[in-house]
C-alpha atoms as a PDB file:
ATOM      1  CA  MET A   1     -16.541 -28.746 -24.415  1.00  0.00           C
ATOM      2  CA  PRO A   2     -16.819 -25.225 -25.912  1.00  0.00           C
ATOM      3  CA  ALA A   3     -19.215 -22.871 -24.176  1.00  0.00           C
ATOM      4  CA  ARG A   4     -22.660 -22.477 -25.737  1.00  0.00           C
ATOM      5  CA  PRO A   5     -23.011 -19.195 -27.682  1.00  0.00           C
ATOM      6  CA  ILE A   6     -25.168 -16.586 -25.971  1.00  0.00           C
ATOM      7  CA  TRP A   7     -25.692 -14.677 -29.240  1.00  0.00           C
ATOM      8  CA  ARG A   8     -25.463 -15.360 -32.954  1.00  0.00           C
ATOM      9  CA  GLY A   9     -25.533 -12.782 -35.714  1.00  0.00           C
ATOM     10  CA  TYR A  10     -23.385 -10.860 -38.156  1.00  0.00           C
ATOM     11  CA  LEU A  11     -20.407  -8.533 -37.762  1.00  0.00           C
ATOM     12  CA  ARG A  12     -20.671  -5.859 -40.442  1.00  0.00           C
ATOM     13  CA  LEU A  13     -18.247  -3.197 -41.642  1.00  0.00           C
ATOM     14  CA  ALA A  14     -19.583  -1.112 -44.539  1.00  0.00           C
ATOM     15  CA  LEU A  15     -20.571  -3.644 -47.239  1.00  0.00           C
ATOM     16  CA  VAL A  16     -18.739  -6.681 -45.848  1.00  0.00           C
ATOM     17  CA  SER A  17     -20.022  -8.973 -43.104  1.00  0.00           C
ATOM     18  CA  CYS A  18     -19.414 -12.371 -41.559  1.00  0.00           C
ATOM     19  CA  PRO A  19     -21.437 -14.629 -39.246  1.00  0.00           C
ATOM     20  CA  VAL A  20     -20.147 -14.617 -35.670  1.00  0.00           C
ATOM     21  CA  ALA A  21     -21.115 -15.995 -32.284  1.00  0.00           C
ATOM     22  CA  LEU A  22     -20.411 -14.727 -28.767  1.00  0.00           C
ATOM     23  CA  VAL A  23     -19.316 -17.025 -25.957  1.00  0.00           C
ATOM     24  CA  PRO A  24     -18.488 -15.897 -22.400  1.00  0.00           C
ATOM     25  CA  ALA A  25     -14.831 -15.025 -21.885  1.00  0.00           C
ATOM     26  CA  ARG A  26     -14.903 -16.296 -18.308  1.00  0.00           C
ATOM     27  CA  HIS A  27     -16.488 -19.115 -16.354  1.00  0.00           C
ATOM     28  CA  GLU A  28     -17.016 -19.974 -12.711  1.00  0.00           C
ATOM     29  CA  ARG A  29     -16.502 -23.726 -12.887  1.00  0.00           C
ATOM     30  CA  ASN A  30     -13.755 -23.507 -10.293  1.00  0.00           C
ATOM     31  CA  ASN A  31     -15.659 -21.277  -7.862  1.00  0.00           C
ATOM     32  CA  LEU A  32     -17.204 -22.565  -4.670  1.00  0.00           C
ATOM     33  CA  HIS A  33     -21.002 -22.608  -4.550  1.00  0.00           C
ATOM     34  CA  PHE A  34     -23.021 -23.003  -1.366  1.00  0.00           C
ATOM     35  CA  ASN A  35     -26.617 -23.978  -0.574  1.00  0.00           C
ATOM     36  CA  LEU A  36     -28.742 -22.733   2.311  1.00  0.00           C
ATOM     37  CA  ILE A  37     -29.188 -25.585   4.793  1.00  0.00           C
ATOM     38  CA  ASN A  38     -31.450 -26.033   7.808  1.00  0.00           C
ATOM     39  CA  PRO A  39     -28.853 -26.829  10.519  1.00  0.00           C
ATOM     40  CA  ASP A  40     -31.419 -28.770  12.573  1.00  0.00           C
ATOM     41  CA  THR A  41     -32.246 -31.271   9.816  1.00  0.00           C
ATOM     42  CA  GLY A  42     -29.324 -30.959   7.385  1.00  0.00           C
ATOM     43  CA  ASN A  43     -31.807 -30.448   4.543  1.00  0.00           C
ATOM     44  CA  ARG A  44     -31.640 -27.855   1.792  1.00  0.00           C
ATOM     45  CA  ILE A  45     -34.015 -24.893   1.875  1.00  0.00           C
ATOM     46  CA  ARG A  46     -36.556 -24.642  -0.960  1.00  0.00           C
ATOM     47  CA  MET A  47     -37.279 -21.140  -2.224  1.00  0.00           C
ATOM     48  CA  VAL A  48     -40.969 -20.702  -3.008  1.00  0.00           C
ATOM     49  CA  THR A  49     -42.368 -18.360  -5.694  1.00  0.00           C
ATOM     50  CA  GLN A  50     -45.691 -17.028  -4.459  1.00  0.00           C
ATOM     51  CA  ASP A  51     -48.181 -14.237  -5.003  1.00  0.00           C
ATOM     52  CA  ALA A  52     -47.260 -11.392  -2.657  1.00  0.00           C
ATOM     53  CA  GLU A  53     -50.923 -10.729  -1.777  1.00  0.00           C
ATOM     54  CA  THR A  54     -52.728 -14.089  -1.911  1.00  0.00           C
ATOM     55  CA  GLY A  55     -49.776 -16.288  -0.928  1.00  0.00           C
ATOM     56  CA  GLU A  56     -50.577 -18.661  -3.792  1.00  0.00           C
ATOM     57  CA  GLU A  57     -47.574 -20.735  -4.877  1.00  0.00           C
ATOM     58  CA  LEU A  58     -46.782 -20.288  -8.575  1.00  0.00           C
ATOM     59  CA  GLU A  59     -44.639 -21.901 -11.253  1.00  0.00           C
ATOM     60  CA  HIS A  60     -41.932 -19.596 -12.565  1.00  0.00           C
ATOM     61  CA  SER A  61     -42.843 -20.488 -16.151  1.00  0.00           C
ATOM     62  CA  ALA A  62     -46.327 -18.998 -15.643  1.00  0.00           C
ATOM     63  CA  LEU A  63     -45.027 -15.535 -14.721  1.00  0.00           C
ATOM     64  CA  VAL A  64     -44.696 -12.459 -16.943  1.00  0.00           C
ATOM     65  CA  ARG A  65     -42.710  -9.258 -16.576  1.00  0.00           C
ATOM     66  CA  GLY A  66     -44.354  -6.072 -15.396  1.00  0.00           C
ATOM     67  CA  TYR A  67     -43.313  -2.422 -15.265  1.00  0.00           C
ATOM     68  CA  GLU A  68     -44.515  -0.439 -12.228  1.00  0.00           C
ATOM     69  CA  PHE A  69     -45.761   2.881 -13.637  1.00  0.00           C
ATOM     70  CA  ARG A  70     -47.553   3.828 -10.410  1.00  0.00           C
ATOM     71  CA  LYS A  71     -47.439   2.458  -6.877  1.00  0.00           C
ATOM     72  CA  ASP A  72     -48.684  -1.155  -7.092  1.00  0.00           C
ATOM     73  CA  HIS A  73     -49.877  -0.639 -10.675  1.00  0.00           C
ATOM     74  CA  TYR A  74     -48.110  -2.578 -13.435  1.00  0.00           C
ATOM     75  CA  VAL A  75     -48.241  -2.787 -17.194  1.00  0.00           C
ATOM     76  CA  LEU A  76     -47.614  -6.389 -18.258  1.00  0.00           C
ATOM     77  CA  LEU A  77     -45.248  -7.274 -21.106  1.00  0.00           C
ATOM     78  CA  THR A  78     -45.197 -10.563 -23.009  1.00  0.00           C
ATOM     79  CA  ASP A  79     -42.391 -12.120 -25.042  1.00  0.00           C
ATOM     80  CA  GLU A  80     -44.171 -10.842 -28.150  1.00  0.00           C
ATOM     81  CA  ASP A  81     -44.026  -7.292 -26.767  1.00  0.00           C
ATOM     82  CA  PHE A  82     -40.277  -7.538 -26.292  1.00  0.00           C
ATOM     83  CA  ASP A  83     -39.821  -9.043 -29.761  1.00  0.00           C
ATOM     84  CA  SER A  84     -41.813  -6.227 -31.353  1.00  0.00           C
ATOM     85  CA  ALA A  85     -39.315  -3.717 -29.952  1.00  0.00           C
ATOM     86  CA  ARG A  86     -36.327  -5.496 -31.487  1.00  0.00           C
ATOM     87  CA  ILE A  87     -33.962  -3.320 -33.478  1.00  0.00           C
ATOM     88  CA  GLU A  88     -31.334  -4.093 -36.097  1.00  0.00           C
ATOM     89  CA  SER A  89     -28.575  -4.466 -33.516  1.00  0.00           C
ATOM     90  CA  SER A  90     -30.459  -7.489 -32.177  1.00  0.00           C
ATOM     91  CA  SER A  91     -28.953  -9.603 -34.959  1.00  0.00           C
ATOM     92  CA  THR A  92     -26.294  -7.407 -36.603  1.00  0.00           C
ATOM     93  CA  LEU A  93     -23.179  -5.804 -35.125  1.00  0.00           C
ATOM     94  CA  SER A  94     -22.646  -2.841 -37.448  1.00  0.00           C
ATOM     95  CA  ILE A  95     -19.333  -1.131 -36.719  1.00  0.00           C
ATOM     96  CA  GLU A  96     -20.074   2.580 -36.262  1.00  0.00           C
ATOM     97  CA  LYS A  97     -16.536   3.921 -35.826  1.00  0.00           C
ATOM     98  CA  PHE A  98     -13.026   3.091 -34.663  1.00  0.00           C
ATOM     99  CA  VAL A  99     -11.290   4.745 -31.700  1.00  0.00           C
ATOM    100  CA  ASP A 100      -7.839   4.518 -30.104  1.00  0.00           C
ATOM    101  CA  GLN A 101      -7.524   1.801 -27.475  1.00  0.00           C
ATOM    102  CA  GLN A 102      -6.477   4.297 -24.818  1.00  0.00           C
ATOM    103  CA  SER A 103      -9.405   6.642 -25.479  1.00  0.00           C
ATOM    104  CA  ILE A 104     -11.894   4.611 -23.391  1.00  0.00           C
ATOM    105  CA  ASP A 105     -11.492   4.837 -19.624  1.00  0.00           C
ATOM    106  CA  PRO A 106     -11.206   1.305 -18.103  1.00  0.00           C
ATOM    107  CA  LEU A 107     -14.128   2.197 -15.816  1.00  0.00           C
ATOM    108  CA  TYR A 108     -16.442   1.844 -18.817  1.00  0.00           C
ATOM    109  CA  PHE A 109     -15.512  -1.778 -19.542  1.00  0.00           C
ATOM    110  CA  ASP A 110     -18.037  -4.300 -18.250  1.00  0.00           C
ATOM    111  CA  ALA A 111     -18.374  -7.965 -19.327  1.00  0.00           C
ATOM    112  CA  ALA A 112     -16.143  -9.612 -21.937  1.00  0.00           C
ATOM    113  CA  TYR A 113     -17.121 -12.124 -24.617  1.00  0.00           C
ATOM    114  CA  LEU A 114     -15.111 -14.076 -27.163  1.00  0.00           C
ATOM    115  CA  MET A 115     -16.303 -13.339 -30.696  1.00  0.00           C
ATOM    116  CA  VAL A 116     -15.740 -16.440 -32.809  1.00  0.00           C
ATOM    117  CA  PRO A 117     -16.602 -17.319 -36.438  1.00  0.00           C
ATOM    118  CA  ASP A 118     -20.002 -19.007 -36.663  1.00  0.00           C
ATOM    119  CA  GLY A 119     -19.364 -21.722 -39.243  1.00  0.00           C
ATOM    120  CA  GLU A 120     -16.993 -21.746 -42.198  1.00  0.00           C
ATOM    121  CA  ALA A 121     -18.710 -19.038 -44.238  1.00  0.00           C
ATOM    122  CA  GLY A 122     -17.111 -15.600 -43.899  1.00  0.00           C
ATOM    123  CA  GLN A 123     -14.006 -16.743 -42.041  1.00  0.00           C
ATOM    124  CA  ASP A 124     -11.840 -14.875 -44.557  1.00  0.00           C
ATOM    125  CA  VAL A 125     -13.694 -11.645 -43.699  1.00  0.00           C
ATOM    126  CA  TYR A 126     -13.281 -12.361 -39.979  1.00  0.00           C
ATOM    127  CA  VAL A 127      -9.517 -12.825 -40.305  1.00  0.00           C
ATOM    128  CA  VAL A 128      -9.101  -9.671 -42.410  1.00  0.00           C
ATOM    129  CA  LEU A 129     -11.053  -7.549 -39.898  1.00  0.00           C
ATOM    130  CA  ARG A 130      -9.115  -9.006 -36.950  1.00  0.00           C
ATOM    131  CA  GLU A 131      -5.770  -8.300 -38.622  1.00  0.00           C
ATOM    132  CA  ALA A 132      -6.729  -4.749 -39.582  1.00  0.00           C
ATOM    133  CA  ILE A 133      -7.988  -3.951 -36.064  1.00  0.00           C
ATOM    134  CA  MET A 134      -4.815  -5.428 -34.570  1.00  0.00           C
ATOM    135  CA  ARG A 135      -2.447  -3.491 -36.845  1.00  0.00           C
ATOM    136  CA  THR A 136      -4.211  -0.162 -36.330  1.00  0.00           C
ATOM    137  CA  ARG A 137      -4.494  -0.749 -32.550  1.00  0.00           C
ATOM    138  CA  LYS A 138      -8.071   0.443 -32.630  1.00  0.00           C
ATOM    139  CA  LEU A 139     -11.316  -0.521 -30.921  1.00  0.00           C
ATOM    140  CA  ALA A 140     -14.400  -1.009 -33.096  1.00  0.00           C
ATOM    141  CA  LEU A 141     -17.543   0.505 -31.566  1.00  0.00           C
ATOM    142  CA  SER A 142     -20.961  -0.998 -32.160  1.00  0.00           C
ATOM    143  CA  ARG A 143     -24.261  -1.812 -30.405  1.00  0.00           C
ATOM    144  CA  LEU A 144     -25.776  -5.118 -29.400  1.00  0.00           C
ATOM    145  CA  VAL A 145     -28.960  -6.312 -27.685  1.00  0.00           C
ATOM    146  CA  LEU A 146     -28.181  -8.704 -24.813  1.00  0.00           C
ATOM    147  CA  GLY A 147     -30.748  -9.738 -22.244  1.00  0.00           C
ATOM    148  CA  ARG A 148     -33.356  -7.447 -23.856  1.00  0.00           C
ATOM    149  CA  ARG A 149     -31.102  -4.449 -23.328  1.00  0.00           C
ATOM    150  CA  GLU A 150     -29.130  -2.617 -25.994  1.00  0.00           C
ATOM    151  CA  ARG A 151     -25.503  -2.237 -25.001  1.00  0.00           C
ATOM    152  CA  ALA A 152     -22.726  -0.171 -26.497  1.00  0.00           C
ATOM    153  CA  VAL A 153     -19.782  -2.496 -27.166  1.00  0.00           C
ATOM    154  CA  ALA A 154     -16.108  -2.254 -28.059  1.00  0.00           C
ATOM    155  CA  ILE A 155     -14.469  -4.950 -30.195  1.00  0.00           C
ATOM    156  CA  ALA A 156     -10.731  -5.572 -29.893  1.00  0.00           C
ATOM    157  CA  ALA A 157      -8.266  -7.915 -31.557  1.00  0.00           C
ATOM    158  CA  HIS A 158      -6.893 -10.508 -29.157  1.00  0.00           C
ATOM    159  CA  GLY A 159      -4.513 -13.226 -30.290  1.00  0.00           C
ATOM    160  CA  ARG A 160      -6.026 -15.027 -33.276  1.00  0.00           C
ATOM    161  CA  GLY A 161      -9.521 -13.712 -32.636  1.00  0.00           C
ATOM    162  CA  LEU A 162     -11.737 -10.863 -31.518  1.00  0.00           C
ATOM    163  CA  VAL A 163     -13.021  -9.974 -28.058  1.00  0.00           C
ATOM    164  CA  LEU A 164     -16.163  -7.953 -27.412  1.00  0.00           C
ATOM    165  CA  HIS A 165     -16.501  -5.802 -24.288  1.00  0.00           C
ATOM    166  CA  THR A 166     -19.842  -4.380 -23.211  1.00  0.00           C
ATOM    167  CA  LEU A 167     -19.544  -0.753 -22.115  1.00  0.00           C
ATOM    168  CA  GLU A 168     -21.211   0.965 -19.186  1.00  0.00           C
ATOM    169  CA  GLU A 169     -23.328   4.056 -19.797  1.00  0.00           C
ATOM    170  CA  ALA A 170     -21.889   7.275 -18.414  1.00  0.00           C
ATOM    171  CA  ASP A 171     -24.977   7.784 -16.225  1.00  0.00           C
ATOM    172  CA  ASP A 172     -24.418   4.383 -14.600  1.00  0.00           C
ATOM    173  CA  LEU A 173     -20.953   5.309 -13.342  1.00  0.00           C
ATOM    174  CA  ALA A 174     -20.329   6.995 -10.018  1.00  0.00           C
ATOM    175  CA  ASP A 175     -19.719  10.742  -9.936  1.00  0.00           C
ATOM    176  CA  LEU A 176     -15.913  10.836  -9.739  1.00  0.00           C
ATOM    177  CA  ASP A 177     -15.776  14.525  -8.827  1.00  0.00           C
ATOM    178  CA  ALA A 178     -18.055  13.937  -5.845  1.00  0.00           C
ATOM    179  CA  ALA A 179     -16.253  10.750  -4.812  1.00  0.00           C
ATOM    180  CA  PHE A 180     -12.822  12.407  -4.836  1.00  0.00           C
ATOM    181  CA  ASP A 181     -14.019  15.748  -3.467  1.00  0.00           C
ATOM    182  CA  THR A 182     -12.112  15.320  -0.188  1.00  0.00           C
ATOM    183  CA  VAL A 183      -8.789  14.549  -1.924  1.00  0.00           C
ATOM    184  CA  PRO A 184      -6.399  17.501  -1.393  1.00  0.00           C
ATOM    185  CA  LYS A 185      -5.930  19.603  -4.525  1.00  0.00           C
ATOM    186  CA  ALA A 186      -2.489  20.909  -3.577  1.00  0.00           C
ATOM    187  CA  ARG A 187       0.516  19.283  -5.296  1.00  0.00           C
ATOM    188  CA  PRO A 188       2.356  16.787  -3.057  1.00  0.00           C
ATOM    189  CA  ASP A 189       5.952  17.241  -1.984  1.00  0.00           C
ATOM    190  CA  ALA A 190       8.198  16.531  -4.993  1.00  0.00           C
ATOM    191  CA  ALA A 191      10.812  14.689  -2.903  1.00  0.00           C
ATOM    192  CA  MET A 192       8.178  12.355  -1.461  1.00  0.00           C
ATOM    193  CA  VAL A 193       6.794  11.652  -4.927  1.00  0.00           C
ATOM    194  CA  LYS A 194      10.330  10.826  -6.099  1.00  0.00           C
ATOM    195  CA  LEU A 195      10.745   8.320  -3.272  1.00  0.00           C
ATOM    196  CA  ALA A 196       7.362   6.768  -4.096  1.00  0.00           C
ATOM    197  CA  GLU A 197       8.429   6.466  -7.750  1.00  0.00           C
ATOM    198  CA  GLN A 198      11.556   4.617  -6.621  1.00  0.00           C
ATOM    199  CA  LEU A 199       9.374   2.211  -4.618  1.00  0.00           C
ATOM    200  CA  ILE A 200       7.236   1.601  -7.697  1.00  0.00           C
ATOM    201  CA  ALA A 201      10.301   1.023  -9.887  1.00  0.00           C
ATOM    202  CA  ARG A 202      11.747  -1.440  -7.377  1.00  0.00           C
ATOM    203  CA  GLN A 203       8.573  -3.538  -7.333  1.00  0.00           C
ATOM    204  CA  ALA A 204       7.821  -3.314 -11.059  1.00  0.00           C
ATOM    205  CA  GLY A 205       7.221  -6.612 -12.841  1.00  0.00           C
ATOM    206  CA  GLN A 206       5.100  -8.441 -15.399  1.00  0.00           C
ATOM    207  CA  TYR A 207       1.476  -9.380 -14.803  1.00  0.00           C
ATOM    208  CA  ASP A 208       0.925 -13.077 -14.164  1.00  0.00           C
ATOM    209  CA  PRO A 209      -2.627 -14.546 -14.185  1.00  0.00           C
ATOM    210  CA  ALA A 210      -1.701 -16.220 -10.888  1.00  0.00           C
ATOM    211  CA  ASP A 211      -1.570 -12.726  -9.359  1.00  0.00           C
ATOM    212  CA  SER A 212      -5.382 -12.647  -9.367  1.00  0.00           C
ATOM    213  CA  LYS A 213      -5.876 -16.036  -7.708  1.00  0.00           C
ATOM    214  CA  ASP A 214      -8.453 -15.964  -4.906  1.00  0.00           C
ATOM    215  CA  ARG A 215      -6.399 -16.999  -1.866  1.00  0.00           C
ATOM    216  CA  TYR A 216      -9.453 -16.829   0.402  1.00  0.00           C
ATOM    217  CA  GLU A 217     -11.284 -19.397  -1.745  1.00  0.00           C
ATOM    218  CA  ALA A 218      -8.203 -21.616  -1.788  1.00  0.00           C
ATOM    219  CA  ARG A 219      -8.201 -21.656   2.012  1.00  0.00           C
ATOM    220  CA  LEU A 220     -11.938 -22.330   2.075  1.00  0.00           C
ATOM    221  CA  ARG A 221     -11.374 -25.330  -0.198  1.00  0.00           C
ATOM    222  CA  ALA A 222      -8.671 -26.601   2.139  1.00  0.00           C
ATOM    223  CA  LEU A 223     -10.994 -26.149   5.120  1.00  0.00           C
ATOM    224  CA  ILE A 224     -13.845 -27.991   3.323  1.00  0.00           C
ATOM    225  CA  ASP A 225     -11.536 -30.854   2.358  1.00  0.00           C
ATOM    226  CA  ALA A 226     -10.380 -31.096   5.965  1.00  0.00           C
ATOM    227  CA  LYS A 227     -13.983 -31.223   7.223  1.00  0.00           C
ATOM    228  CA  ILE A 228     -14.863 -33.956   4.702  1.00  0.00           C
ATOM    229  CA  ALA A 229     -11.811 -35.965   5.751  1.00  0.00           C
ATOM    230  CA  GLY A 230     -12.524 -35.349   9.444  1.00  0.00           C
ATOM    231  CA  SER A 231      -9.078 -33.898   9.993  1.00  0.00           C
ATOM    232  CA  GLY A 232      -7.915 -30.621  11.450  1.00  0.00           C
ATOM    233  CA  PHE A 233      -7.338 -27.482   9.430  1.00  0.00           C
ATOM    234  CA  GLU A 234      -4.116 -25.519   9.708  1.00  0.00           C
ATOM    235  CA  PRO A 235      -4.796 -22.022   8.360  1.00  0.00           C
ATOM    236  CA  GLY A 236      -1.131 -21.183   7.996  1.00  0.00           C
ATOM    237  CA  GLU A 237       0.841 -18.264   9.301  1.00  0.00           C
ATOM    238  CA  GLU A 238      -0.708 -14.831   8.916  1.00  0.00           C
ATOM    239  CA  VAL A 239       1.380 -11.752   8.251  1.00  0.00           C
ATOM    240  CA  PRO A 240      -0.036  -9.023  10.518  1.00  0.00           C
ATOM    241  CA  GLU A 241      -1.092  -5.861   8.758  1.00  0.00           C
ATOM    242  CA  GLU A 242       0.439  -2.599   9.880  1.00  0.00           C
ATOM    243  CA  THR A 243      -2.442  -0.253  10.650  1.00  0.00           C
ATOM    244  CA  GLY A 244      -0.679   2.382  12.727  1.00  0.00           C
ATOM    245  CA  ASN A 245      -0.744   6.033  11.734  1.00  0.00           C
ATOM    246  CA  VAL A 246       2.180   7.338   9.697  1.00  0.00           C
ATOM    247  CA  VAL A 247       3.696  10.209  11.647  1.00  0.00           C
ATOM    248  CA  ASP A 248       6.531  11.068   9.279  1.00  0.00           C
ATOM    249  CA  LEU A 249       5.667  10.164   5.671  1.00  0.00           C
ATOM    250  CA  MET A 250       9.121  11.056   4.352  1.00  0.00           C
ATOM    251  CA  GLU A 251      10.792   8.786   6.913  1.00  0.00           C
ATOM    252  CA  ALA A 252       8.300   5.994   6.187  1.00  0.00           C
ATOM    253  CA  LEU A 253       9.093   6.165   2.466  1.00  0.00           C
ATOM    254  CA  LYS A 254      12.824   6.089   3.124  1.00  0.00           C
ATOM    255  CA  GLN A 255      12.431   3.119   5.471  1.00  0.00           C
ATOM    256  CA  SER A 256      10.316   1.299   2.859  1.00  0.00           C
ATOM    257  CA  LEU A 257      13.133   1.653   0.322  1.00  0.00           C
ATOM    258  CA  LYS A 258      15.609   0.174   2.807  1.00  0.00           C
ATOM    259  CA  GLU A 259      13.472  -2.887   3.493  1.00  0.00           C
ATOM    260  CA  GLY A 260      13.352  -5.819   1.107  1.00  0.00           C
ATOM    261  CA  LYS A 261      10.266  -6.838  -0.815  1.00  0.00           C
ATOM    262  CA  ARG A 262       7.626  -8.358   1.393  1.00  0.00           C
ATOM    263  CA  THR A 263       6.355 -11.701   0.090  1.00  0.00           C
ATOM    264  CA  PRO A 264       2.580 -12.210   0.237  1.00  0.00           C
ATOM    265  CA  PRO A 265       1.235 -14.605   2.914  1.00  0.00           C
ATOM    266  CA  LYS A 266       0.861 -18.198   1.781  1.00  0.00           C
ATOM    267  CA  ALA A 267      -2.619 -19.634   1.398  1.00  0.00           C
ATOM    268  CA  GLY A 268      -3.609 -22.904   3.052  1.00  0.00           C
ATOM    269  CA  LYS A 269      -2.873 -26.062   1.136  1.00  0.00           C
ATOM    270  CA  ALA A 270      -5.530 -26.876  -1.444  1.00  0.00           C
ATOM    271  CA  PRO A 271      -5.892 -29.109  -4.504  1.00  0.00           C
ATOM    272  CA  PRO A 272      -4.322 -27.533  -7.598  1.00  0.00           C
ATOM    273  CA  ALA A 273      -6.859 -25.479  -9.563  1.00  0.00           C
ATOM    274  CA  PRO A 274      -7.315 -25.955 -13.326  1.00  0.00           C
ATOM    275  CA  ALA A 275      -5.341 -23.528 -15.453  1.00  0.00           C
ATOM    276  CA  ARG A 276      -7.292 -20.380 -16.259  1.00  0.00           C
ATOM    277  CA  ARG A 277      -7.223 -18.512 -19.530  1.00  0.00           C
ATOM    278  CA  ALA A 278      -5.516 -15.137 -19.368  1.00  0.00           C
ATOM    279  CA  ALA A 279      -7.931 -12.208 -19.190  1.00  0.00           C
ATOM    280  CA  PRO A 280      -8.527 -10.312 -22.489  1.00  0.00           C
ATOM    281  CA  LYS A 281      -6.459  -7.251 -22.942  1.00  0.00           C
END
């Protein structure tokens, strides 16, 4: 069953537009989910919503949002208040400009959504825009309100359709200069860099979606299945990590080139997971 759209509106470029809908590009149907359990009774724990001062238990549907403008003082906002602040980008994705795909640092990319035609009307416009974006290898920049927050977004062609990526604000990203302040500024030894490049070339390959499989979760599934069946769990052989200090970096690089490729440790046996869709480019 197709995912339910989280947004419906129009994609607009100049004087042309088409109705579109956004559906999540990823799902967590295959992820493990746990409940908090009282180990003495085996019962689930019930989380209670209550007034912080009076202790009165409340229904979540009766609550409103509040902004703390001074310590313990709040201005309350209703759904009508949020609706009154709606802007055009709440229902229309107007393309502001196009930029090269490589011009946006990957750090800015946040969540991804599949942008699909919403009904039969305007599908010809959708296909023309997708083809033009694909041929020019551009990203279309726009703005969109999601979860009562306006987000800058980048729209890319992907296969037969379009993918929308929400973008982080610059102020929300870590200060890279401060984070990398302790990294030496001097240029590394050219011979060592050459050896490292040879290591990279030797282990170069193509990305496979299986490369991102969560091996820890696979072993957890195997452990859970074993507990349900009342059988033992064999975690499998672990490859010890080498954590010793490198005394001679040049010698370590040379030795790495001599050794064969190390295969990753095998995860515990688990039921085969459903095939996952490749991540958007």
